[in-house]
Amino acid sequence: MPDRLDITWIVLIGLALATILLPPLMPRPLLGNAVLLSLAAVKGRRIALEFMDLRAVPAVWRGLVSVWIVIVLLFAWLASAFVSLI
């Protein structure tokens, strides 16, 4: 039976492959950027919870790290949206 880190590795590899394979399938660049950044958010959260061992800390810290990941990716998406408007 694989442990939690093995499952996380498999999920991260699958998300990395999806990151490579999805952009040519997206009809609009802005939608493609949103999908890629949402995959990055899932990867970042999995890495924070498993490899930084945030599952063992209080929920406030997990929430702060998750909010930080979402804010960084939101700024990245807004920057890509701004560039696509220019």
N, C-alpha and C. Protein backbone atom coordinates (compact mmCIF):
# COMPACT_ATOMS: atom_id res chain seq x y z
N MET A 1 0.84 -1.18 0.00
CA MET A 1 0.00 0.00 0.00
C MET A 1 0.89 1.25 0.00
N PRO A 2 0.73 2.13 -1.00
CA PRO A 2 1.58 3.33 -1.05
C PRO A 2 1.20 4.30 0.07
N ASP A 3 2.22 4.98 0.57
CA ASP A 3 1.95 5.95 1.61
C ASP A 3 1.58 7.30 0.98
N ARG A 4 1.35 8.27 1.82
CA ARG A 4 0.86 9.57 1.37
C ARG A 4 1.84 10.28 0.44
N LEU A 5 3.14 10.16 0.71
CA LEU A 5 4.13 10.82 -0.14
C LEU A 5 4.19 10.18 -1.53
N ASP A 6 4.03 8.85 -1.60
CA ASP A 6 4.00 8.18 -2.90
C ASP A 6 2.81 8.64 -3.72
N ILE A 7 1.67 8.75 -3.09
CA ILE A 7 0.46 9.23 -3.78
C ILE A 7 0.65 10.66 -4.24
N THR A 8 1.28 11.48 -3.40
CA THR A 8 1.54 12.87 -3.79
C THR A 8 2.48 12.94 -4.99
N TRP A 9 3.51 12.10 -5.01
CA TRP A 9 4.40 12.07 -6.16
C TRP A 9 3.64 11.71 -7.44
N ILE A 10 2.77 10.72 -7.35
CA ILE A 10 2.00 10.31 -8.52
C ILE A 10 1.08 11.43 -8.98
N VAL A 11 0.43 12.08 -8.03
CA VAL A 11 -0.46 13.21 -8.38
C VAL A 11 0.34 14.35 -9.00
N LEU A 12 1.51 14.67 -8.45
CA LEU A 12 2.33 15.75 -9.00
C LEU A 12 2.82 15.42 -10.41
N ILE A 13 3.16 14.17 -10.65
CA ILE A 13 3.58 13.78 -12.00
C ILE A 13 2.41 13.89 -12.97
N GLY A 14 1.23 13.45 -12.54
CA GLY A 14 0.04 13.59 -13.39
C GLY A 14 -0.29 15.04 -13.68
N LEU A 15 -0.19 15.90 -12.67
CA LEU A 15 -0.47 17.32 -12.90
C LEU A 15 0.59 17.97 -13.79
N ALA A 16 1.84 17.53 -13.66
CA ALA A 16 2.88 18.06 -14.54
C ALA A 16 2.63 17.65 -15.98
N LEU A 17 2.22 16.41 -16.19
CA LEU A 17 1.88 15.97 -17.55
C LEU A 17 0.68 16.73 -18.10
N ALA A 18 -0.31 16.97 -17.25
CA ALA A 18 -1.47 17.76 -17.69
C ALA A 18 -1.05 19.17 -18.04
N THR A 19 -0.10 19.73 -17.30
CA THR A 19 0.40 21.08 -17.59
C THR A 19 1.06 21.13 -18.95
N ILE A 20 1.71 20.06 -19.34
CA ILE A 20 2.38 20.01 -20.64
C ILE A 20 1.37 19.76 -21.77
N LEU A 21 0.40 18.88 -21.53
CA LEU A 21 -0.49 18.44 -22.60
C LEU A 21 -1.70 19.34 -22.83
N LEU A 22 -2.13 20.10 -21.84
CA LEU A 22 -3.35 20.89 -21.98
C LEU A 22 -3.26 22.16 -22.82
N PRO A 23 -2.18 22.92 -22.81
CA PRO A 23 -2.18 24.20 -23.54
C PRO A 23 -2.56 24.11 -25.02
N PRO A 24 -2.11 23.11 -25.77
CA PRO A 24 -2.54 23.07 -27.18
C PRO A 24 -4.04 22.80 -27.35
N LEU A 25 -4.68 22.25 -26.33
CA LEU A 25 -6.10 21.93 -26.43
C LEU A 25 -7.02 23.09 -26.05
N MET A 26 -6.47 24.13 -25.46
CA MET A 26 -7.28 25.26 -25.00
C MET A 26 -7.58 26.21 -26.14
N PRO A 27 -8.88 26.56 -26.34
CA PRO A 27 -9.24 27.44 -27.45
C PRO A 27 -8.84 28.89 -27.22
N ARG A 28 -8.82 29.34 -25.99
CA ARG A 28 -8.48 30.73 -25.69
C ARG A 28 -7.30 30.78 -24.72
N PRO A 29 -6.36 31.68 -24.97
CA PRO A 29 -5.18 31.75 -24.10
C PRO A 29 -5.52 32.10 -22.65
N LEU A 30 -6.50 32.98 -22.46
CA LEU A 30 -6.85 33.38 -21.09
C LEU A 30 -7.42 32.20 -20.30
N LEU A 31 -8.23 31.39 -20.96
CA LEU A 31 -8.76 30.19 -20.32
C LEU A 31 -7.65 29.19 -20.05
N GLY A 32 -6.74 29.06 -21.00
CA GLY A 32 -5.60 28.16 -20.81
C GLY A 32 -4.73 28.58 -19.64
N ASN A 33 -4.51 29.89 -19.51
CA ASN A 33 -3.74 30.38 -18.37
C ASN A 33 -4.45 30.09 -17.06
N ALA A 34 -5.76 30.26 -17.03
CA ALA A 34 -6.52 29.98 -15.80
C ALA A 34 -6.43 28.51 -15.43
N VAL A 35 -6.52 27.63 -16.42
CA VAL A 35 -6.42 26.19 -16.14
C VAL A 35 -5.02 25.83 -15.65
N LEU A 36 -4.00 26.36 -16.31
CA LEU A 36 -2.63 26.06 -15.89
C LEU A 36 -2.33 26.59 -14.49
N LEU A 37 -2.83 27.77 -14.20
CA LEU A 37 -2.59 28.32 -12.87
C LEU A 37 -3.39 27.59 -11.79
N SER A 38 -4.56 27.08 -12.15
CA SER A 38 -5.29 26.28 -11.16
C SER A 38 -4.57 24.95 -10.89
N LEU A 39 -3.97 24.38 -11.93
CA LEU A 39 -3.15 23.19 -11.72
C LEU A 39 -1.94 23.51 -10.84
N ALA A 40 -1.36 24.69 -11.05
CA ALA A 40 -0.24 25.11 -10.22
C ALA A 40 -0.67 25.29 -8.76
N ALA A 41 -1.90 25.78 -8.56
CA ALA A 41 -2.40 25.94 -7.19
C ALA A 41 -2.56 24.59 -6.51
N VAL A 42 -3.06 23.61 -7.24
CA VAL A 42 -3.22 22.27 -6.67
C VAL A 42 -1.85 21.69 -6.35
N LYS A 43 -0.89 21.86 -7.26
CA LYS A 43 0.45 21.35 -7.01
C LYS A 43 1.08 22.04 -5.81
N GLY A 44 0.94 23.35 -5.72
CA GLY A 44 1.52 24.09 -4.60
C GLY A 44 0.92 23.67 -3.28
N ARG A 45 -0.37 23.45 -3.25
CA ARG A 45 -1.02 23.03 -2.00
C ARG A 45 -0.56 21.62 -1.60
N ARG A 46 -0.48 20.72 -2.57
CA ARG A 46 -0.01 19.36 -2.26
C ARG A 46 1.42 19.38 -1.73
N ILE A 47 2.27 20.19 -2.35
CA ILE A 47 3.66 20.29 -1.89
C ILE A 47 3.71 20.88 -0.48
N ALA A 48 2.93 21.92 -0.24
CA ALA A 48 2.93 22.54 1.09
C ALA A 48 2.42 21.58 2.15
N LEU A 49 1.37 20.84 1.84
CA LEU A 49 0.81 19.95 2.86
C LEU A 49 1.68 18.72 3.12
N GLU A 50 2.23 18.16 2.08
CA GLU A 50 2.95 16.89 2.25
C GLU A 50 4.44 17.06 2.51
N PHE A 51 5.11 17.85 1.65
CA PHE A 51 6.57 17.92 1.76
C PHE A 51 7.03 18.98 2.75
N MET A 52 6.22 20.00 2.99
CA MET A 52 6.53 20.97 4.04
C MET A 52 5.88 20.56 5.36
N ASP A 53 5.16 19.46 5.34
CA ASP A 53 4.53 18.85 6.51
C ASP A 53 3.58 19.81 7.23
N LEU A 54 2.77 20.53 6.46
CA LEU A 54 1.81 21.46 7.06
C LEU A 54 0.55 20.76 7.54
N ARG A 55 0.43 19.47 7.32
CA ARG A 55 -0.73 18.75 7.87
C ARG A 55 -0.68 18.69 9.39
N ALA A 56 0.52 18.81 9.95
CA ALA A 56 0.69 18.67 11.39
C ALA A 56 0.59 20.01 12.14
N VAL A 57 0.48 21.12 11.41
CA VAL A 57 0.42 22.42 12.07
C VAL A 57 -1.03 22.84 12.25
N PRO A 58 -1.28 23.87 13.06
CA PRO A 58 -2.66 24.35 13.24
C PRO A 58 -3.27 24.81 11.92
N ALA A 59 -4.59 24.77 11.88
CA ALA A 59 -5.33 25.09 10.65
C ALA A 59 -5.09 26.52 10.19
N VAL A 60 -4.79 27.41 11.11
CA VAL A 60 -4.53 28.81 10.73
C VAL A 60 -3.35 28.90 9.78
N TRP A 61 -2.28 28.18 10.07
CA TRP A 61 -1.10 28.21 9.22
C TRP A 61 -1.36 27.57 7.85
N ARG A 62 -2.09 26.47 7.85
CA ARG A 62 -2.45 25.86 6.56
C ARG A 62 -3.28 26.83 5.74
N GLY A 63 -4.21 27.51 6.38
CA GLY A 63 -5.05 28.48 5.68
C GLY A 63 -4.24 29.65 5.15
N LEU A 64 -3.31 30.15 5.94
CA LEU A 64 -2.47 31.27 5.48
C LEU A 64 -1.62 30.88 4.28
N VAL A 65 -1.05 29.69 4.31
CA VAL A 65 -0.24 29.24 3.17
C VAL A 65 -1.13 29.05 1.94
N SER A 66 -2.31 28.49 2.13
CA SER A 66 -3.22 28.29 1.00
C SER A 66 -3.67 29.62 0.41
N VAL A 67 -3.98 30.59 1.26
CA VAL A 67 -4.38 31.92 0.78
C VAL A 67 -3.22 32.59 0.05
N TRP A 68 -2.00 32.42 0.57
CA TRP A 68 -0.83 32.99 -0.09
C TRP A 68 -0.66 32.40 -1.49
N ILE A 69 -0.83 31.09 -1.62
CA ILE A 69 -0.72 30.45 -2.93
C ILE A 69 -1.77 31.01 -3.89
N VAL A 70 -2.99 31.14 -3.42
CA VAL A 70 -4.08 31.65 -4.27
C VAL A 70 -3.82 33.10 -4.68
N ILE A 71 -3.33 33.92 -3.76
CA ILE A 71 -3.07 35.33 -4.08
C ILE A 71 -1.96 35.45 -5.12
N VAL A 72 -0.89 34.69 -4.96
CA VAL A 72 0.20 34.74 -5.93
C VAL A 72 -0.29 34.31 -7.31
N LEU A 73 -1.08 33.25 -7.37
CA LEU A 73 -1.58 32.78 -8.66
C LEU A 73 -2.63 33.72 -9.23
N LEU A 74 -3.39 34.38 -8.39
CA LEU A 74 -4.34 35.37 -8.88
C LEU A 74 -3.62 36.55 -9.52
N PHE A 75 -2.54 37.01 -8.89
CA PHE A 75 -1.75 38.07 -9.50
C PHE A 75 -1.15 37.63 -10.83
N ALA A 76 -0.69 36.39 -10.91
CA ALA A 76 -0.14 35.87 -12.16
C ALA A 76 -1.22 35.84 -13.24
N TRP A 77 -2.44 35.42 -12.88
CA TRP A 77 -3.51 35.37 -13.86
C TRP A 77 -3.92 36.78 -14.30
N LEU A 78 -3.98 37.71 -13.35
CA LEU A 78 -4.31 39.09 -13.71
C LEU A 78 -3.25 39.69 -14.63
N ALA A 79 -1.99 39.37 -14.39
CA ALA A 79 -0.92 39.85 -15.28
C ALA A 79 -1.08 39.26 -16.68
N SER A 80 -1.42 37.99 -16.76
CA SER A 80 -1.61 37.39 -18.10
C SER A 80 -2.84 37.98 -18.79
N ALA A 81 -3.88 38.28 -18.01
CA ALA A 81 -5.08 38.90 -18.60
C ALA A 81 -4.75 40.30 -19.09
N PHE A 82 -3.96 41.04 -18.33
CA PHE A 82 -3.58 42.39 -18.73
C PHE A 82 -2.74 42.36 -20.00
N VAL A 83 -1.81 41.41 -20.09
CA VAL A 83 -0.98 41.29 -21.29
C VAL A 83 -1.83 40.91 -22.50
N SER A 84 -2.83 40.08 -22.31
CA SER A 84 -3.66 39.68 -23.45
C SER A 84 -4.55 40.82 -23.93
N LEU A 85 -4.81 41.80 -23.07
CA LEU A 85 -5.61 42.96 -23.49
C LEU A 85 -4.80 43.98 -24.26
N ILE A 86 -3.50 43.95 -24.08
CA ILE A 86 -2.64 44.94 -24.77
C ILE A 86 -2.42 44.55 -26.20
